[in-house]
Amino acid sequence: MSSAPPPTSAQPRNPLHGVTLEALVTALVARYGWAGLGERMPVRCFTSDPSIPSSLKFLRKTPWAREQVEALYLFMLREERRAGR
């Protein structure tokens, strides 16, 4: 008998747990705007006729870009925490 891994819902210290990709992109656009997001991540989905649906489609197919978006989101959260202290 093999023991089952612990449930994935037990991630109290993971700031990305339960946050959808759409919520990430929406928060980043609200914070930086499309132009600012395109400067931080120069990919076409943010610089050429950007929209949430087209960005989600690209990010779901492109793991390296999704990792960059997640990293930028975590950076944004750290900045907000520092500003709040």
PDB file of N, CA and C in Angstrom:
ATOM      1  N   MET A   1       0.834  -1.199   0.000  1.00  0.00           N
ATOM      2  CA  MET A   1       0.000   0.000   0.000  1.00  0.00           C
ATOM      3  C   MET A   1       0.871   1.252   0.000  1.00  0.00           C
ATOM      4  N   SER A   2       0.531   2.173  -0.850  1.00  0.00           N
ATOM      5  CA  SER A   2       1.248   3.445  -0.869  1.00  0.00           C
ATOM      6  C   SER A   2       0.390   4.513  -0.220  1.00  0.00           C
ATOM      7  N   SER A   3       1.051   5.395   0.486  1.00  0.00           N
ATOM      8  CA  SER A   3       0.289   6.459   1.132  1.00  0.00           C
ATOM      9  C   SER A   3       0.006   7.554   0.115  1.00  0.00           C
ATOM     10  N   ALA A   4      -1.162   8.093   0.186  1.00  0.00           N
ATOM     11  CA  ALA A   4      -1.576   9.156  -0.737  1.00  0.00           C
ATOM     12  C   ALA A   4      -0.908  10.460  -0.326  1.00  0.00           C
ATOM     13  N   PRO A   5      -0.574  11.320  -1.295  1.00  0.00           N
ATOM     14  CA  PRO A   5       0.002  12.619  -0.945  1.00  0.00           C
ATOM     15  C   PRO A   5      -1.029  13.460  -0.205  1.00  0.00           C
ATOM     16  N   PRO A   6      -0.564  14.418   0.577  1.00  0.00           N
ATOM     17  CA  PRO A   6      -1.519  15.272   1.286  1.00  0.00           C
ATOM     18  C   PRO A   6      -2.355  16.070   0.295  1.00  0.00           C
ATOM     19  N   PRO A   7      -3.557  16.426   0.684  1.00  0.00           N
ATOM     20  CA  PRO A   7      -4.415  17.200  -0.228  1.00  0.00           C
ATOM     21  C   PRO A   7      -3.756  18.520  -0.605  1.00  0.00           C
ATOM     22  N   THR A   8      -3.960  18.918  -1.847  1.00  0.00           N
ATOM     23  CA  THR A   8      -3.329  20.146  -2.340  1.00  0.00           C
ATOM     24  C   THR A   8      -3.951  21.405  -1.740  1.00  0.00           C
ATOM     25  N   SER A   9      -5.094  21.281  -1.107  1.00  0.00           N
ATOM     26  CA  SER A   9      -5.723  22.463  -0.521  1.00  0.00           C
ATOM     27  C   SER A   9      -4.996  22.932   0.732  1.00  0.00           C
ATOM     28  N   ALA A  10      -4.070  22.127   1.239  1.00  0.00           N
ATOM     29  CA  ALA A  10      -3.328  22.507   2.437  1.00  0.00           C
ATOM     30  C   ALA A  10      -2.055  23.256   2.048  1.00  0.00           C
ATOM     31  N   GLN A  11      -2.212  24.448   1.504  1.00  0.00           N
ATOM     32  CA  GLN A  11      -1.077  25.275   1.107  1.00  0.00           C
ATOM     33  C   GLN A  11      -1.210  26.671   1.714  1.00  0.00           C
ATOM     34  N   PRO A  12      -1.139  26.759   3.027  1.00  0.00           N
ATOM     35  CA  PRO A  12      -1.401  28.051   3.668  1.00  0.00           C
ATOM     36  C   PRO A  12      -0.379  29.133   3.347  1.00  0.00           C
ATOM     37  N   ARG A  13       0.848  28.761   2.953  1.00  0.00           N
ATOM     38  CA  ARG A  13       1.879  29.758   2.716  1.00  0.00           C
ATOM     39  C   ARG A  13       2.091  30.055   1.234  1.00  0.00           C
ATOM     40  N   ASN A  14       1.313  29.443   0.359  1.00  0.00           N
ATOM     41  CA  ASN A  14       1.459  29.659  -1.077  1.00  0.00           C
ATOM     42  C   ASN A  14       0.532  30.794  -1.517  1.00  0.00           C
ATOM     43  N   PRO A  15       1.077  31.970  -1.838  1.00  0.00           N
ATOM     44  CA  PRO A  15       0.213  33.100  -2.202  1.00  0.00           C
ATOM     45  C   PRO A  15      -0.511  32.908  -3.535  1.00  0.00           C
ATOM     46  N   LEU A  16      -0.083  31.950  -4.354  1.00  0.00           N
ATOM     47  CA  LEU A  16      -0.751  31.700  -5.629  1.00  0.00           C
ATOM     48  C   LEU A  16      -1.872  30.673  -5.504  1.00  0.00           C
ATOM     49  N   HIS A  17      -1.955  29.999  -4.367  1.00  0.00           N
ATOM     50  CA  HIS A  17      -2.963  28.957  -4.204  1.00  0.00           C
ATOM     51  C   HIS A  17      -4.369  29.561  -4.259  1.00  0.00           C
ATOM     52  N   GLY A  18      -5.168  29.030  -5.156  1.00  0.00           N
ATOM     53  CA  GLY A  18      -6.551  29.468  -5.276  1.00  0.00           C
ATOM     54  C   GLY A  18      -6.740  30.717  -6.125  1.00  0.00           C
ATOM     55  N   VAL A  19      -5.662  31.279  -6.651  1.00  0.00           N
ATOM     56  CA  VAL A  19      -5.755  32.480  -7.491  1.00  0.00           C
ATOM     57  C   VAL A  19      -5.728  32.033  -8.950  1.00  0.00           C
ATOM     58  N   THR A  20      -6.748  32.385  -9.696  1.00  0.00           N
ATOM     59  CA  THR A  20      -6.804  31.975 -11.096  1.00  0.00           C
ATOM     60  C   THR A  20      -5.863  32.822 -11.944  1.00  0.00           C
ATOM     61  N   LEU A  21      -5.520  32.298 -13.097  1.00  0.00           N
ATOM     62  CA  LEU A  21      -4.674  33.039 -14.023  1.00  0.00           C
ATOM     63  C   LEU A  21      -5.361  34.336 -14.441  1.00  0.00           C
ATOM     64  N   GLU A  22      -6.652  34.274 -14.622  1.00  0.00           N
ATOM     65  CA  GLU A  22      -7.402  35.485 -14.984  1.00  0.00           C
ATOM     66  C   GLU A  22      -7.297  36.541 -13.885  1.00  0.00           C
ATOM     67  N   ALA A  23      -7.372  36.112 -12.630  1.00  0.00           N
ATOM     68  CA  ALA A  23      -7.248  37.057 -11.518  1.00  0.00           C
ATOM     69  C   ALA A  23      -5.847  37.667 -11.476  1.00  0.00           C
ATOM     70  N   LEU A  24      -4.831  36.861 -11.779  1.00  0.00           N
ATOM     71  CA  LEU A  24      -3.460  37.377 -11.820  1.00  0.00           C
ATOM     72  C   LEU A  24      -3.319  38.477 -12.867  1.00  0.00           C
ATOM     73  N   VAL A  25      -3.758  38.156 -14.085  1.00  0.00           N
ATOM     74  CA  VAL A  25      -3.625  39.120 -15.188  1.00  0.00           C
ATOM     75  C   VAL A  25      -4.448  40.372 -14.903  1.00  0.00           C
ATOM     76  N   THR A  26      -5.645  40.207 -14.402  1.00  0.00           N
ATOM     77  CA  THR A  26      -6.512  41.349 -14.095  1.00  0.00           C
ATOM     78  C   THR A  26      -5.865  42.251 -13.042  1.00  0.00           C
ATOM     79  N   ALA A  27      -5.286  41.650 -12.005  1.00  0.00           N
ATOM     80  CA  ALA A  27      -4.627  42.437 -10.955  1.00  0.00           C
ATOM     81  C   ALA A  27      -3.413  43.174 -11.507  1.00  0.00           C
ATOM     82  N   LEU A  28      -2.643  42.508 -12.351  1.00  0.00           N
ATOM     83  CA  LEU A  28      -1.461  43.147 -12.929  1.00  0.00           C
ATOM     84  C   LEU A  28      -1.842  44.307 -13.848  1.00  0.00           C
ATOM     85  N   VAL A  29      -2.892  44.119 -14.633  1.00  0.00           N
ATOM     86  CA  VAL A  29      -3.351  45.195 -15.526  1.00  0.00           C
ATOM     87  C   VAL A  29      -3.880  46.364 -14.698  1.00  0.00           C
ATOM     88  N   ALA A  30      -4.589  46.061 -13.610  1.00  0.00           N
ATOM     89  CA  ALA A  30      -5.110  47.126 -12.756  1.00  0.00           C
ATOM     90  C   ALA A  30      -3.959  47.913 -12.118  1.00  0.00           C
ATOM     91  N   ARG A  31      -2.886  47.232 -11.772  1.00  0.00           N
ATOM     92  CA  ARG A  31      -1.750  47.884 -11.113  1.00  0.00           C
ATOM     93  C   ARG A  31      -0.853  48.639 -12.099  1.00  0.00           C
ATOM     94  N   TYR A  32      -0.474  47.975 -13.197  1.00  0.00           N
ATOM     95  CA  TYR A  32       0.521  48.536 -14.112  1.00  0.00           C
ATOM     96  C   TYR A  32      -0.071  49.070 -15.415  1.00  0.00           C
ATOM     97  N   GLY A  33      -1.281  48.655 -15.786  1.00  0.00           N
ATOM     98  CA  GLY A  33      -1.849  49.001 -17.081  1.00  0.00           C
ATOM     99  C   GLY A  33      -1.221  48.135 -18.157  1.00  0.00           C
ATOM    100  N   TRP A  34      -1.818  48.095 -19.335  1.00  0.00           N
ATOM    101  CA  TRP A  34      -1.274  47.269 -20.417  1.00  0.00           C
ATOM    102  C   TRP A  34       0.105  47.743 -20.833  1.00  0.00           C
ATOM    103  N   ALA A  35       0.293  49.067 -20.903  1.00  0.00           N
ATOM    104  CA  ALA A  35       1.596  49.599 -21.329  1.00  0.00           C
ATOM    105  C   ALA A  35       2.684  49.220 -20.326  1.00  0.00           C
ATOM    106  N   GLY A  36       2.405  49.367 -19.048  1.00  0.00           N
ATOM    107  CA  GLY A  36       3.381  49.012 -18.016  1.00  0.00           C
ATOM    108  C   GLY A  36       3.658  47.521 -17.984  1.00  0.00           C
ATOM    109  N   LEU A  37       2.630  46.738 -18.209  1.00  0.00           N
ATOM    110  CA  LEU A  37       2.805  45.288 -18.248  1.00  0.00           C
ATOM    111  C   LEU A  37       3.646  44.896 -19.456  1.00  0.00           C
ATOM    112  N   GLY A  38       3.404  45.543 -20.579  1.00  0.00           N
ATOM    113  CA  GLY A  38       4.185  45.287 -21.781  1.00  0.00           C
ATOM    114  C   GLY A  38       5.641  45.685 -21.626  1.00  0.00           C
ATOM    115  N   GLU A  39       5.911  46.726 -20.829  1.00  0.00           N
ATOM    116  CA  GLU A  39       7.297  47.126 -20.559  1.00  0.00           C
ATOM    117  C   GLU A  39       7.997  46.104 -19.675  1.00  0.00           C
ATOM    118  N   ARG A  40       7.276  45.585 -18.703  1.00  0.00           N
ATOM    119  CA  ARG A  40       7.865  44.612 -17.783  1.00  0.00           C
ATOM    120  C   ARG A  40       8.008  43.238 -18.409  1.00  0.00           C
ATOM    121  N   MET A  41       7.090  42.888 -19.301  1.00  0.00           N
ATOM    122  CA  MET A  41       7.115  41.607 -20.010  1.00  0.00           C
ATOM    123  C   MET A  41       6.839  41.881 -21.483  1.00  0.00           C
ATOM    124  N   PRO A  42       7.857  42.093 -22.277  1.00  0.00           N
ATOM    125  CA  PRO A  42       7.634  42.447 -23.683  1.00  0.00           C
ATOM    126  C   PRO A  42       7.213  41.245 -24.538  1.00  0.00           C
ATOM    127  N   VAL A  43       5.958  40.841 -24.359  1.00  0.00           N
ATOM    128  CA  VAL A  43       5.372  39.791 -25.204  1.00  0.00           C
ATOM    129  C   VAL A  43       4.173  40.386 -25.923  1.00  0.00           C
ATOM    130  N   ARG A  44       3.904  39.880 -27.099  1.00  0.00           N
ATOM    131  CA  ARG A  44       2.869  40.474 -27.959  1.00  0.00           C
ATOM    132  C   ARG A  44       1.485  40.521 -27.321  1.00  0.00           C
ATOM    133  N   CYS A  45       1.152  39.545 -26.497  1.00  0.00           N
ATOM    134  CA  CYS A  45      -0.192  39.544 -25.914  1.00  0.00           C
ATOM    135  C   CYS A  45      -0.413  40.745 -24.988  1.00  0.00           C
ATOM    136  N   PHE A  46       0.687  41.398 -24.539  1.00  0.00           N
ATOM    137  CA  PHE A  46       0.573  42.584 -23.695  1.00  0.00           C
ATOM    138  C   PHE A  46       0.854  43.877 -24.455  1.00  0.00           C
ATOM    139  N   THR A  47       1.491  43.775 -25.616  1.00  0.00           N
ATOM    140  CA  THR A  47       1.903  44.996 -26.316  1.00  0.00           C
ATOM    141  C   THR A  47       1.100  45.283 -27.580  1.00  0.00           C
ATOM    142  N   SER A  48       0.558  44.254 -28.229  1.00  0.00           N
ATOM    143  CA  SER A  48      -0.140  44.433 -29.494  1.00  0.00           C
ATOM    144  C   SER A  48      -1.609  44.046 -29.349  1.00  0.00           C
ATOM    145  N   ASP A  49      -2.474  45.057 -29.293  1.00  0.00           N
ATOM    146  CA  ASP A  49      -3.918  44.847 -29.146  1.00  0.00           C
ATOM    147  C   ASP A  49      -4.231  43.931 -27.956  1.00  0.00           C
ATOM    148  N   PRO A  50      -3.830  44.307 -26.744  1.00  0.00           N
ATOM    149  CA  PRO A  50      -3.972  43.430 -25.577  1.00  0.00           C
ATOM    150  C   PRO A  50      -5.417  43.294 -25.107  1.00  0.00           C
ATOM    151  N   SER A  51      -5.723  42.123 -24.602  1.00  0.00           N
ATOM    152  CA  SER A  51      -7.007  41.870 -23.952  1.00  0.00           C
ATOM    153  C   SER A  51      -6.816  40.708 -22.981  1.00  0.00           C
ATOM    154  N   ILE A  52      -7.702  40.618 -22.021  1.00  0.00           N
ATOM    155  CA  ILE A  52      -7.615  39.531 -21.042  1.00  0.00           C
ATOM    156  C   ILE A  52      -7.757  38.174 -21.747  1.00  0.00           C
ATOM    157  N   PRO A  53      -8.783  37.960 -22.587  1.00  0.00           N
ATOM    158  CA  PRO A  53      -8.913  36.637 -23.225  1.00  0.00           C
ATOM    159  C   PRO A  53      -7.712  36.228 -24.071  1.00  0.00           C
ATOM    160  N   SER A  54      -7.161  37.157 -24.857  1.00  0.00           N
ATOM    161  CA  SER A  54      -6.015  36.789 -25.692  1.00  0.00           C
ATOM    162  C   SER A  54      -4.783  36.508 -24.833  1.00  0.00           C
ATOM    163  N   SER A  55      -4.629  37.258 -23.758  1.00  0.00           N
ATOM    164  CA  SER A  55      -3.501  37.023 -22.865  1.00  0.00           C
ATOM    165  C   SER A  55      -3.619  35.666 -22.183  1.00  0.00           C
ATOM    166  N   LEU A  56      -4.824  35.324 -21.730  1.00  0.00           N
ATOM    167  CA  LEU A  56      -5.033  34.028 -21.072  1.00  0.00           C
ATOM    168  C   LEU A  56      -4.743  32.881 -22.033  1.00  0.00           C
ATOM    169  N   LYS A  57      -5.190  33.028 -23.268  1.00  0.00           N
ATOM    170  CA  LYS A  57      -4.954  31.978 -24.269  1.00  0.00           C
ATOM    171  C   LYS A  57      -3.457  31.756 -24.459  1.00  0.00           C
ATOM    172  N   PHE A  58      -2.702  32.847 -24.600  1.00  0.00           N
ATOM    173  CA  PHE A  58      -1.254  32.744 -24.781  1.00  0.00           C
ATOM    174  C   PHE A  58      -0.577  32.157 -23.546  1.00  0.00           C
ATOM    175  N   LEU A  59      -0.936  32.663 -22.363  1.00  0.00           N
ATOM    176  CA  LEU A  59      -0.269  32.228 -21.140  1.00  0.00           C
ATOM    177  C   LEU A  59      -0.551  30.762 -20.810  1.00  0.00           C
ATOM    178  N   ARG A  60      -1.737  30.283 -21.163  1.00  0.00           N
ATOM    179  CA  ARG A  60      -2.051  28.870 -20.912  1.00  0.00           C
ATOM    180  C   ARG A  60      -1.235  27.937 -21.801  1.00  0.00           C
ATOM    181  N   LYS A  61      -0.820  28.426 -22.949  1.00  0.00           N
ATOM    182  CA  LYS A  61      -0.047  27.606 -23.889  1.00  0.00           C
ATOM    183  C   LYS A  61       1.455  27.782 -23.724  1.00  0.00           C
ATOM    184  N   THR A  62       1.887  28.774 -22.952  1.00  0.00           N
ATOM    185  CA  THR A  62       3.300  29.131 -22.892  1.00  0.00           C
ATOM    186  C   THR A  62       3.781  29.132 -21.438  1.00  0.00           C
ATOM    187  N   PRO A  63       4.317  28.009 -20.984  1.00  0.00           N
ATOM    188  CA  PRO A  63       4.714  27.900 -19.566  1.00  0.00           C
ATOM    189  C   PRO A  63       5.719  28.952 -19.104  1.00  0.00           C
ATOM    190  N   TRP A  64       6.711  29.300 -19.935  1.00  0.00           N
ATOM    191  CA  TRP A  64       7.709  30.274 -19.493  1.00  0.00           C
ATOM    192  C   TRP A  64       7.079  31.642 -19.258  1.00  0.00           C
ATOM    193  N   ALA A  65       6.104  32.014 -20.089  1.00  0.00           N
ATOM    194  CA  ALA A  65       5.445  33.311 -19.930  1.00  0.00           C
ATOM    195  C   ALA A  65       4.554  33.298 -18.686  1.00  0.00           C
ATOM    196  N   ARG A  66       3.886  32.183 -18.453  1.00  0.00           N
ATOM    197  CA  ARG A  66       3.044  32.078 -17.264  1.00  0.00           C
ATOM    198  C   ARG A  66       3.902  32.199 -15.999  1.00  0.00           C
ATOM    199  N   GLU A  67       5.072  31.573 -16.011  1.00  0.00           N
ATOM    200  CA  GLU A  67       5.971  31.677 -14.856  1.00  0.00           C
ATOM    201  C   GLU A  67       6.388  33.124 -14.620  1.00  0.00           C
ATOM    202  N   GLN A  68       6.635  33.857 -15.686  1.00  0.00           N
ATOM    203  CA  GLN A  68       7.012  35.272 -15.544  1.00  0.00           C
ATOM    204  C   GLN A  68       5.855  36.097 -14.985  1.00  0.00           C
ATOM    205  N   VAL A  69       4.644  35.813 -15.442  1.00  0.00           N
ATOM    206  CA  VAL A  69       3.470  36.525 -14.930  1.00  0.00           C
ATOM    207  C   VAL A  69       3.284  36.222 -13.447  1.00  0.00           C
ATOM    208  N   GLU A  70       3.438  34.962 -13.059  1.00  0.00           N
ATOM    209  CA  GLU A  70       3.308  34.593 -11.652  1.00  0.00           C
ATOM    210  C   GLU A  70       4.384  35.282 -10.818  1.00  0.00           C
ATOM    211  N   ALA A  71       5.612  35.344 -11.336  1.00  0.00           N
ATOM    212  CA  ALA A  71       6.698  36.010 -10.612  1.00  0.00           C
ATOM    213  C   ALA A  71       6.416  37.509 -10.465  1.00  0.00           C
ATOM    214  N   LEU A  72       5.911  38.135 -11.513  1.00  0.00           N
ATOM    215  CA  LEU A  72       5.579  39.552 -11.437  1.00  0.00           C
ATOM    216  C   LEU A  72       4.444  39.793 -10.438  1.00  0.00           C
ATOM    217  N   TYR A  73       3.478  38.908 -10.402  1.00  0.00           N
ATOM    218  CA  TYR A  73       2.372  39.014  -9.448  1.00  0.00           C
ATOM    219  C   TYR A  73       2.906  38.917  -8.013  1.00  0.00           C
ATOM    220  N   LEU A  74       3.803  37.966  -7.764  1.00  0.00           N
ATOM    221  CA  LEU A  74       4.383  37.826  -6.427  1.00  0.00           C
ATOM    222  C   LEU A  74       5.199  39.062  -6.053  1.00  0.00           C
ATOM    223  N   PHE A  75       5.924  39.615  -7.017  1.00  0.00           N
ATOM    224  CA  PHE A  75       6.666  40.850  -6.796  1.00  0.00           C
ATOM    225  C   PHE A  75       5.708  41.984  -6.426  1.00  0.00           C
ATOM    226  N   MET A  76       4.576  42.073  -7.133  1.00  0.00           N
ATOM    227  CA  MET A  76       3.582  43.105  -6.859  1.00  0.00           C
ATOM    228  C   MET A  76       3.035  42.946  -5.435  1.00  0.00           C
ATOM    229  N   LEU A  77       2.769  41.700  -5.029  1.00  0.00           N
ATOM    230  CA  LEU A  77       2.272  41.469  -3.667  1.00  0.00           C
ATOM    231  C   LEU A  77       3.300  41.904  -2.624  1.00  0.00           C
ATOM    232  N   ARG A  78       4.580  41.599  -2.878  1.00  0.00           N
ATOM    233  CA  ARG A  78       5.634  42.014  -1.934  1.00  0.00           C
ATOM    234  C   ARG A  78       5.714  43.536  -1.847  1.00  0.00           C
ATOM    235  N   GLU A  79       5.622  44.203  -3.003  1.00  0.00           N
ATOM    236  CA  GLU A  79       5.643  45.676  -2.997  1.00  0.00           C
ATOM    237  C   GLU A  79       4.486  46.240  -2.191  1.00  0.00           C
ATOM    238  N   GLU A  80       3.297  45.658  -2.370  1.00  0.00           N
ATOM    239  CA  GLU A  80       2.119  46.141  -1.642  1.00  0.00           C
ATOM    240  C   GLU A  80       2.275  45.923  -0.148  1.00  0.00           C
ATOM    241  N   ARG A  81       2.844  44.775   0.228  1.00  0.00           N
ATOM    242  CA  ARG A  81       3.056  44.508   1.659  1.00  0.00           C
ATOM    243  C   ARG A  81       4.057  45.496   2.256  1.00  0.00           C
ATOM    244  N   ARG A  82       5.125  45.766   1.519  1.00  0.00           N
ATOM    245  CA  ARG A  82       6.135  46.721   2.018  1.00  0.00           C
ATOM    246  C   ARG A  82       5.557  48.121   2.155  1.00  0.00           C
ATOM    247  N   ALA A  83       4.738  48.521   1.197  1.00  0.00           N
ATOM    248  CA  ALA A  83       4.129  49.857   1.236  1.00  0.00           C
ATOM    249  C   ALA A  83       3.121  49.972   2.372  1.00  0.00           C
ATOM    250  N   GLY A  84       2.498  48.853   2.720  1.00  0.00           N
ATOM    251  CA  GLY A  84       1.498  48.859   3.781  1.00  0.00           C
ATOM    252  C   GLY A  84       2.088  48.882   5.172  1.00  0.00           C
ATOM    253  N   ARG A  85       3.372  48.573   5.291  1.00  0.00           N
ATOM    254  CA  ARG A  85       3.999  48.529   6.633  1.00  0.00           C
ATOM    255  C   ARG A  85       4.442  49.878   7.086  1.00  0.00           C
TER     256      ARG A  85
END
